[in-house]
PDB file of N, CA and C in Angstrom:
ATOM      1  N   MET A   1      19.983  26.853  82.434  1.00  0.00           N
ATOM      2  CA  MET A   1      20.563  25.782  83.097  1.00  0.00           C
ATOM      3  C   MET A   1      21.230  26.588  84.256  1.00  0.00           C
ATOM      4  N   THR A   2      20.916  26.046  85.377  1.00  0.00           N
ATOM      5  CA  THR A   2      21.810  26.519  86.684  1.00  0.00           C
ATOM      6  C   THR A   2      22.982  25.790  87.051  1.00  0.00           C
ATOM      7  N   THR A   3      23.928  26.539  87.573  1.00  0.00           N
ATOM      8  CA  THR A   3      25.425  25.850  88.059  1.00  0.00           C
ATOM      9  C   THR A   3      25.078  25.487  89.579  1.00  0.00           C
ATOM     10  N   GLU A   4      23.997  25.552  90.059  1.00  0.00           N
ATOM     11  CA  GLU A   4      23.827  25.947  91.709  1.00  0.00           C
ATOM     12  C   GLU A   4      24.400  24.276  91.977  1.00  0.00           C
ATOM     13  N   LYS A   5      25.116  23.874  93.128  1.00  0.00           N
ATOM     14  CA  LYS A   5      25.341  22.743  93.496  1.00  0.00           C
ATOM     15  C   LYS A   5      23.902  22.447  94.760  1.00  0.00           C
ATOM     16  N   SER A   6      23.580  21.109  94.549  1.00  0.00           N
ATOM     17  CA  SER A   6      22.532  20.896  95.450  1.00  0.00           C
ATOM     18  C   SER A   6      23.316  20.089  96.450  1.00  0.00           C
ATOM     19  N   SER A   7      22.955  20.190  97.544  1.00  0.00           N
ATOM     20  CA  SER A   7      23.400  19.632  98.987  1.00  0.00           C
ATOM     21  C   SER A   7      22.418  18.343  99.133  1.00  0.00           C
ATOM     22  N   LEU A   8      23.287  17.179  99.525  1.00  0.00           N
ATOM     23  CA  LEU A   8      22.491  16.016  99.802  1.00  0.00           C
ATOM     24  C   LEU A   8      22.878  15.664 101.365  1.00  0.00           C
ATOM     25  N   GLU A   9      22.003  15.528 102.157  1.00  0.00           N
ATOM     26  CA  GLU A   9      22.050  15.067 103.444  1.00  0.00           C
ATOM     27  C   GLU A   9      21.922  13.942 103.487  1.00  0.00           C
ATOM     28  N   ARG A  10      22.800  12.753 104.130  1.00  0.00           N
ATOM     29  CA  ARG A  10      22.662  11.314 104.359  1.00  0.00           C
ATOM     30  C   ARG A  10      22.588  11.094 105.879  1.00  0.00           C
ATOM     31  N   TYR A  11      21.620  10.087 105.941  1.00  0.00           N
ATOM     32  CA  TYR A  11      21.575   9.730 107.384  1.00  0.00           C
ATOM     33  C   TYR A  11      21.723   8.317 107.449  1.00  0.00           C
ATOM     34  N   LYS A  12      22.140   7.518 108.653  1.00  0.00           N
ATOM     35  CA  LYS A  12      22.401   6.163 108.634  1.00  0.00           C
ATOM     36  C   LYS A  12      21.765   5.696 109.635  1.00  0.00           C
ATOM     37  N   TYR A  13      20.935   4.471 109.598  1.00  0.00           N
ATOM     38  CA  TYR A  13      19.966   3.903 110.605  1.00  0.00           C
ATOM     39  C   TYR A  13      20.342   2.471 110.582  1.00  0.00           C
ATOM     40  N   ASP A  14      20.026   1.970 111.706  1.00  0.00           N
ATOM     41  CA  ASP A  14      19.921  -0.025 111.587  1.00  0.00           C
ATOM     42  C   ASP A  14      18.549  -0.464 111.241  1.00  0.00           C
ATOM     43  N   VAL A  15      17.442   0.393 111.482  1.00  0.00           N
ATOM     44  CA  VAL A  15      16.316  -0.002 111.142  1.00  0.00           C
ATOM     45  C   VAL A  15      15.420   0.940 110.394  1.00  0.00           C
ATOM     46  N   LEU A  16      14.860   0.627 109.147  1.00  0.00           N
ATOM     47  CA  LEU A  16      13.804   1.412 108.307  1.00  0.00           C
ATOM     48  C   LEU A  16      12.510   1.044 108.553  1.00  0.00           C
ATOM     49  N   VAL A  17      11.509   1.364 109.002  1.00  0.00           N
ATOM     50  CA  VAL A  17      10.235   0.840 109.229  1.00  0.00           C
ATOM     51  C   VAL A  17       9.507   1.540 108.085  1.00  0.00           C
ATOM     52  N   ILE A  18       8.729   1.055 107.293  1.00  0.00           N
ATOM     53  CA  ILE A  18       7.991   1.640 106.377  1.00  0.00           C
ATOM     54  C   ILE A  18       6.429   1.483 107.025  1.00  0.00           C
ATOM     55  N   GLY A  19       5.827   2.534 107.224  1.00  0.00           N
ATOM     56  CA  GLY A  19       4.364   2.499 107.851  1.00  0.00           C
ATOM     57  C   GLY A  19       4.470   3.099 109.270  1.00  0.00           C
ATOM     58  N   ALA A  20       3.343   3.770 109.386  1.00  0.00           N
ATOM     59  CA  ALA A  20       3.531   4.536 110.880  1.00  0.00           C
ATOM     60  C   ALA A  20       2.181   4.167 111.549  1.00  0.00           C
ATOM     61  N   GLY A  21       1.663   2.919 111.218  1.00  0.00           N
ATOM     62  CA  GLY A  21       0.341   2.408 111.661  1.00  0.00           C
ATOM     63  C   GLY A  21       0.693   1.685 113.109  1.00  0.00           C
ATOM     64  N   GLY A  22      -0.170   0.948 113.623  1.00  0.00           N
ATOM     65  CA  GLY A  22      -0.080   0.272 115.032  1.00  0.00           C
ATOM     66  C   GLY A  22       1.412  -0.580 114.958  1.00  0.00           C
ATOM     67  N   ALA A  23       1.410  -1.498 113.871  1.00  0.00           N
ATOM     68  CA  ALA A  23       2.330  -2.365 113.759  1.00  0.00           C
ATOM     69  C   ALA A  23       3.717  -1.658 113.441  1.00  0.00           C
ATOM     70  N   GLY A  24       3.790  -0.682 112.506  1.00  0.00           N
ATOM     71  CA  GLY A  24       4.882   0.006 112.152  1.00  0.00           C
ATOM     72  C   GLY A  24       5.380   0.679 113.493  1.00  0.00           C
ATOM     73  N   LEU A  25       4.736   1.371 114.416  1.00  0.00           N
ATOM     74  CA  LEU A  25       5.166   1.951 115.563  1.00  0.00           C
ATOM     75  C   LEU A  25       5.912   1.101 116.284  1.00  0.00           C
ATOM     76  N   ARG A  26       4.886  -0.065 116.750  1.00  0.00           N
ATOM     77  CA  ARG A  26       5.450  -0.956 117.726  1.00  0.00           C
ATOM     78  C   ARG A  26       6.598  -1.713 117.240  1.00  0.00           C
ATOM     79  N   ALA A  27       6.943  -2.040 115.831  1.00  0.00           N
ATOM     80  CA  ALA A  27       8.245  -2.422 115.603  1.00  0.00           C
ATOM     81  C   ALA A  27       9.438  -1.370 116.008  1.00  0.00           C
ATOM     82  N   ALA A  28       8.841  -0.151 115.686  1.00  0.00           N
ATOM     83  CA  ALA A  28      10.113   0.997 115.705  1.00  0.00           C
ATOM     84  C   ALA A  28      10.269   1.027 117.340  1.00  0.00           C
ATOM     85  N   VAL A  29       9.279   0.903 117.923  1.00  0.00           N
ATOM     86  CA  VAL A  29       9.570   0.987 119.707  1.00  0.00           C
ATOM     87  C   VAL A  29      10.427  -0.314 119.658  1.00  0.00           C
ATOM     88  N   GLU A  30      10.330  -1.293 119.474  1.00  0.00           N
ATOM     89  CA  GLU A  30      10.949  -2.640 119.954  1.00  0.00           C
ATOM     90  C   GLU A  30      12.381  -2.481 119.561  1.00  0.00           C
ATOM     91  N   ALA A  31      12.422  -2.086 118.399  1.00  0.00           N
ATOM     92  CA  ALA A  31      13.815  -1.791 117.761  1.00  0.00           C
ATOM     93  C   ALA A  31      14.533  -0.802 118.307  1.00  0.00           C
ATOM     94  N   ARG A  32      14.092   0.407 118.878  1.00  0.00           N
ATOM     95  CA  ARG A  32      14.524   1.417 119.579  1.00  0.00           C
ATOM     96  C   ARG A  32      14.981   0.950 121.018  1.00  0.00           C
ATOM     97  N   GLU A  33      13.997   0.187 121.633  1.00  0.00           N
ATOM     98  CA  GLU A  33      14.430  -0.285 123.045  1.00  0.00           C
ATOM     99  C   GLU A  33      15.579  -1.352 122.942  1.00  0.00           C
ATOM    100  N   SER A  34      15.792  -1.839 121.761  1.00  0.00           N
ATOM    101  CA  SER A  34      16.837  -2.734 121.657  1.00  0.00           C
ATOM    102  C   SER A  34      18.179  -2.270 121.477  1.00  0.00           C
ATOM    103  N   GLY A  35      17.798  -0.643 121.246  1.00  0.00           N
ATOM    104  CA  GLY A  35      19.443   0.065 121.133  1.00  0.00           C
ATOM    105  C   GLY A  35      19.928   0.424 119.781  1.00  0.00           C
ATOM    106  N   LEU A  36      18.672   0.202 118.854  1.00  0.00           N
ATOM    107  CA  LEU A  36      18.847   0.571 117.420  1.00  0.00           C
ATOM    108  C   LEU A  36      18.465   1.752 117.126  1.00  0.00           C
ATOM    109  N   ARG A  37      19.211   2.293 115.974  1.00  0.00           N
ATOM    110  CA  ARG A  37      18.700   3.720 115.484  1.00  0.00           C
ATOM    111  C   ARG A  37      17.769   3.349 114.681  1.00  0.00           C
ATOM    112  N   VAL A  38      16.555   4.268 114.584  1.00  0.00           N
ATOM    113  CA  VAL A  38      15.266   3.690 113.840  1.00  0.00           C
ATOM    114  C   VAL A  38      14.806   4.997 113.092  1.00  0.00           C
ATOM    115  N   ALA A  39      14.448   4.796 111.771  1.00  0.00           N
ATOM    116  CA  ALA A  39      13.792   5.908 110.962  1.00  0.00           C
ATOM    117  C   ALA A  39      12.562   5.368 110.620  1.00  0.00           C
ATOM    118  N   ILE A  40      11.415   6.003 110.458  1.00  0.00           N
ATOM    119  CA  ILE A  40       9.991   5.761 110.216  1.00  0.00           C
ATOM    120  C   ILE A  40       9.467   6.637 108.874  1.00  0.00           C
ATOM    121  N   ILE A  41       9.242   5.641 108.034  1.00  0.00           N
ATOM    122  CA  ILE A  41       8.766   6.326 106.978  1.00  0.00           C
ATOM    123  C   ILE A  41       7.066   6.185 106.413  1.00  0.00           C
ATOM    124  N   CYS A  42       6.153   7.041 106.302  1.00  0.00           N
ATOM    125  CA  CYS A  42       4.896   7.017 106.193  1.00  0.00           C
ATOM    126  C   CYS A  42       4.307   8.024 105.254  1.00  0.00           C
ATOM    127  N   LYS A  43       3.223   7.249 104.387  1.00  0.00           N
ATOM    128  CA  LYS A  43       2.810   8.185 103.242  1.00  0.00           C
ATOM    129  C   LYS A  43       1.811   9.166 103.794  1.00  0.00           C
ATOM    130  N   SER A  44       1.443   9.287 104.791  1.00  0.00           N
ATOM    131  CA  SER A  44       0.333  10.335 105.334  1.00  0.00           C
ATOM    132  C   SER A  44       1.264  11.139 106.359  1.00  0.00           C
ATOM    133  N   LEU A  45       0.231  12.069 107.012  1.00  0.00           N
ATOM    134  CA  LEU A  45       0.741  12.875 108.137  1.00  0.00           C
ATOM    135  C   LEU A  45       1.338  11.879 109.253  1.00  0.00           C
ATOM    136  N   PHE A  46       2.106  12.004 110.189  1.00  0.00           N
ATOM    137  CA  PHE A  46       2.402  11.153 111.300  1.00  0.00           C
ATOM    138  C   PHE A  46       1.384  11.317 112.218  1.00  0.00           C
ATOM    139  N   GLY A  47       0.563  10.203 112.509  1.00  0.00           N
ATOM    140  CA  GLY A  47      -0.117  10.014 113.406  1.00  0.00           C
ATOM    141  C   GLY A  47      -1.502   9.741 112.854  1.00  0.00           C
ATOM    142  N   LYS A  48      -1.544   9.915 111.381  1.00  0.00           N
ATOM    143  CA  LYS A  48      -2.835   9.634 110.776  1.00  0.00           C
ATOM    144  C   LYS A  48      -2.867   8.570 110.055  1.00  0.00           C
ATOM    145  N   ALA A  49      -2.456   7.386 110.378  1.00  0.00           N
ATOM    146  CA  ALA A  49      -2.584   5.787 109.949  1.00  0.00           C
ATOM    147  C   ALA A  49      -3.717   5.319 109.922  1.00  0.00           C
ATOM    148  N   HIS A  50      -4.311   4.458 109.362  1.00  0.00           N
ATOM    149  CA  HIS A  50      -5.291   3.993 108.849  1.00  0.00           C
ATOM    150  C   HIS A  50      -5.666   2.711 109.911  1.00  0.00           C
ATOM    151  N   THR A  51      -4.730   2.499 110.967  1.00  0.00           N
ATOM    152  CA  THR A  51      -4.886   1.350 111.907  1.00  0.00           C
ATOM    153  C   THR A  51      -6.335   1.318 112.766  1.00  0.00           C
ATOM    154  N   VAL A  52      -6.963   2.524 112.904  1.00  0.00           N
ATOM    155  CA  VAL A  52      -8.134   2.654 113.772  1.00  0.00           C
ATOM    156  C   VAL A  52      -9.377   2.089 112.822  1.00  0.00           C
ATOM    157  N   MET A  53      -9.243   2.171 111.326  1.00  0.00           N
ATOM    158  CA  MET A  53     -10.306   1.798 110.579  1.00  0.00           C
ATOM    159  C   MET A  53      -9.991   0.169 110.134  1.00  0.00           C
ATOM    160  N   ALA A  54      -8.931  -0.334 110.481  1.00  0.00           N
ATOM    161  CA  ALA A  54      -8.788  -1.739 110.000  1.00  0.00           C
ATOM    162  C   ALA A  54      -9.177  -2.573 111.312  1.00  0.00           C
ATOM    163  N   GLU A  55      -9.919  -2.096 112.272  1.00  0.00           N
ATOM    164  CA  GLU A  55      -9.924  -2.667 113.524  1.00  0.00           C
ATOM    165  C   GLU A  55     -11.276  -4.048 113.370  1.00  0.00           C
ATOM    166  N   GLY A  56     -11.890  -3.704 112.381  1.00  0.00           N
ATOM    167  CA  GLY A  56     -12.964  -4.873 111.971  1.00  0.00           C
ATOM    168  C   GLY A  56     -14.057  -4.959 112.791  1.00  0.00           C
ATOM    169  N   GLY A  57     -14.008  -4.486 113.941  1.00  0.00           N
ATOM    170  CA  GLY A  57     -15.251  -4.850 114.784  1.00  0.00           C
ATOM    171  C   GLY A  57     -14.704  -6.059 115.903  1.00  0.00           C
ATOM    172  N   ALA A  58     -15.558  -6.340 116.598  1.00  0.00           N
ATOM    173  CA  ALA A  58     -15.675  -7.470 117.764  1.00  0.00           C
ATOM    174  C   ALA A  58     -17.068  -8.057 117.730  1.00  0.00           C
ATOM    175  N   ALA A  59     -16.886  -9.202 118.094  1.00  0.00           N
ATOM    176  CA  ALA A  59     -18.146  -9.960 118.450  1.00  0.00           C
ATOM    177  C   ALA A  59     -17.985 -10.924 119.737  1.00  0.00           C
ATOM    178  N   ALA A  60     -19.053 -10.699 120.691  1.00  0.00           N
ATOM    179  CA  ALA A  60     -19.107 -11.290 121.981  1.00  0.00           C
ATOM    180  C   ALA A  60     -20.656 -11.795 122.013  1.00  0.00           C
ATOM    181  N   SER A  61     -20.550 -13.076 122.987  1.00  0.00           N
ATOM    182  CA  SER A  61     -21.901 -13.732 123.223  1.00  0.00           C
ATOM    183  C   SER A  61     -22.324 -13.245 124.639  1.00  0.00           C
ATOM    184  N   MET A  62     -23.140 -12.056 124.187  1.00  0.00           N
ATOM    185  CA  MET A  62     -23.509 -11.471 125.605  1.00  0.00           C
ATOM    186  C   MET A  62     -25.048 -11.969 126.244  1.00  0.00           C
ATOM    187  N   GLY A  63     -25.760 -12.554 125.455  1.00  0.00           N
ATOM    188  CA  GLY A  63     -27.016 -13.103 125.917  1.00  0.00           C
ATOM    189  C   GLY A  63     -28.029 -12.011 125.730  1.00  0.00           C
ATOM    190  N   ASN A  64     -27.785 -10.916 125.249  1.00  0.00           N
ATOM    191  CA  ASN A  64     -28.670  -9.628 125.167  1.00  0.00           C
ATOM    192  C   ASN A  64     -29.698 -10.138 124.055  1.00  0.00           C
ATOM    193  N   ALA A  65     -29.153 -10.544 123.095  1.00  0.00           N
ATOM    194  CA  ALA A  65     -30.281 -10.687 121.974  1.00  0.00           C
ATOM    195  C   ALA A  65     -30.962 -11.933 121.663  1.00  0.00           C
ATOM    196  N   ASN A  66     -30.336 -12.977 122.292  1.00  0.00           N
ATOM    197  CA  ASN A  66     -30.840 -14.459 122.358  1.00  0.00           C
ATOM    198  C   ASN A  66     -30.090 -15.113 123.590  1.00  0.00           C
ATOM    199  N   SER A  67     -31.251 -15.321 124.536  1.00  0.00           N
ATOM    200  CA  SER A  67     -30.746 -15.632 125.990  1.00  0.00           C
ATOM    201  C   SER A  67     -29.809 -17.019 125.806  1.00  0.00           C
ATOM    202  N   ASN A  68     -30.321 -17.874 124.553  1.00  0.00           N
ATOM    203  CA  ASN A  68     -29.486 -19.147 124.383  1.00  0.00           C
ATOM    204  C   ASN A  68     -28.105 -19.154 124.162  1.00  0.00           C
ATOM    205  N   ASP A  69     -27.786 -17.750 123.550  1.00  0.00           N
ATOM    206  CA  ASP A  69     -26.209 -17.354 123.169  1.00  0.00           C
ATOM    207  C   ASP A  69     -25.704 -16.526 124.197  1.00  0.00           C
ATOM    208  N   ASN A  70     -24.762 -17.236 125.107  1.00  0.00           N
ATOM    209  CA  ASN A  70     -24.031 -16.476 125.945  1.00  0.00           C
ATOM    210  C   ASN A  70     -22.603 -17.210 126.010  1.00  0.00           C
ATOM    211  N   TRP A  71     -21.901 -16.574 126.655  1.00  0.00           N
ATOM    212  CA  TRP A  71     -20.283 -16.856 126.954  1.00  0.00           C
ATOM    213  C   TRP A  71     -20.286 -18.289 127.500  1.00  0.00           C
ATOM    214  N   MET A  72     -21.295 -18.778 128.362  1.00  0.00           N
ATOM    215  CA  MET A  72     -21.282 -20.106 128.833  1.00  0.00           C
ATOM    216  C   MET A  72     -21.515 -21.321 127.908  1.00  0.00           C
ATOM    217  N   VAL A  73     -22.101 -20.950 126.750  1.00  0.00           N
ATOM    218  CA  VAL A  73     -22.428 -21.924 125.520  1.00  0.00           C
ATOM    219  C   VAL A  73     -21.149 -22.083 125.013  1.00  0.00           C
ATOM    220  N   HIS A  74     -20.206 -21.274 124.845  1.00  0.00           N
ATOM    221  CA  HIS A  74     -18.992 -21.585 124.068  1.00  0.00           C
ATOM    222  C   HIS A  74     -17.990 -21.927 124.782  1.00  0.00           C
ATOM    223  N   PHE A  75     -18.162 -22.347 126.255  1.00  0.00           N
ATOM    224  CA  PHE A  75     -17.072 -22.938 127.024  1.00  0.00           C
ATOM    225  C   PHE A  75     -17.493 -24.323 127.604  1.00  0.00           C
ATOM    226  N   ARG A  76     -18.486 -25.049 127.114  1.00  0.00           N
ATOM    227  CA  ARG A  76     -18.730 -26.224 127.415  1.00  0.00           C
ATOM    228  C   ARG A  76     -17.873 -27.219 127.189  1.00  0.00           C
TER     229      ARG A  76
END
């Protein structure tokens, strides 16, 4: 058994953001720009969030595959 005392550092924040993906970082920026002290906690390396993988893709009516399906059809 050791008798060493462990030290504990305490920090005080106004906002704690869980997750460093796109939404979490946007929330942190908004809170900080409002003058609040912000801490961010993430489960991975900072900057390695999975927001890029959650993009899901995009669909657009370009008319290239079917000339009857273009942007004008959807705005009638």
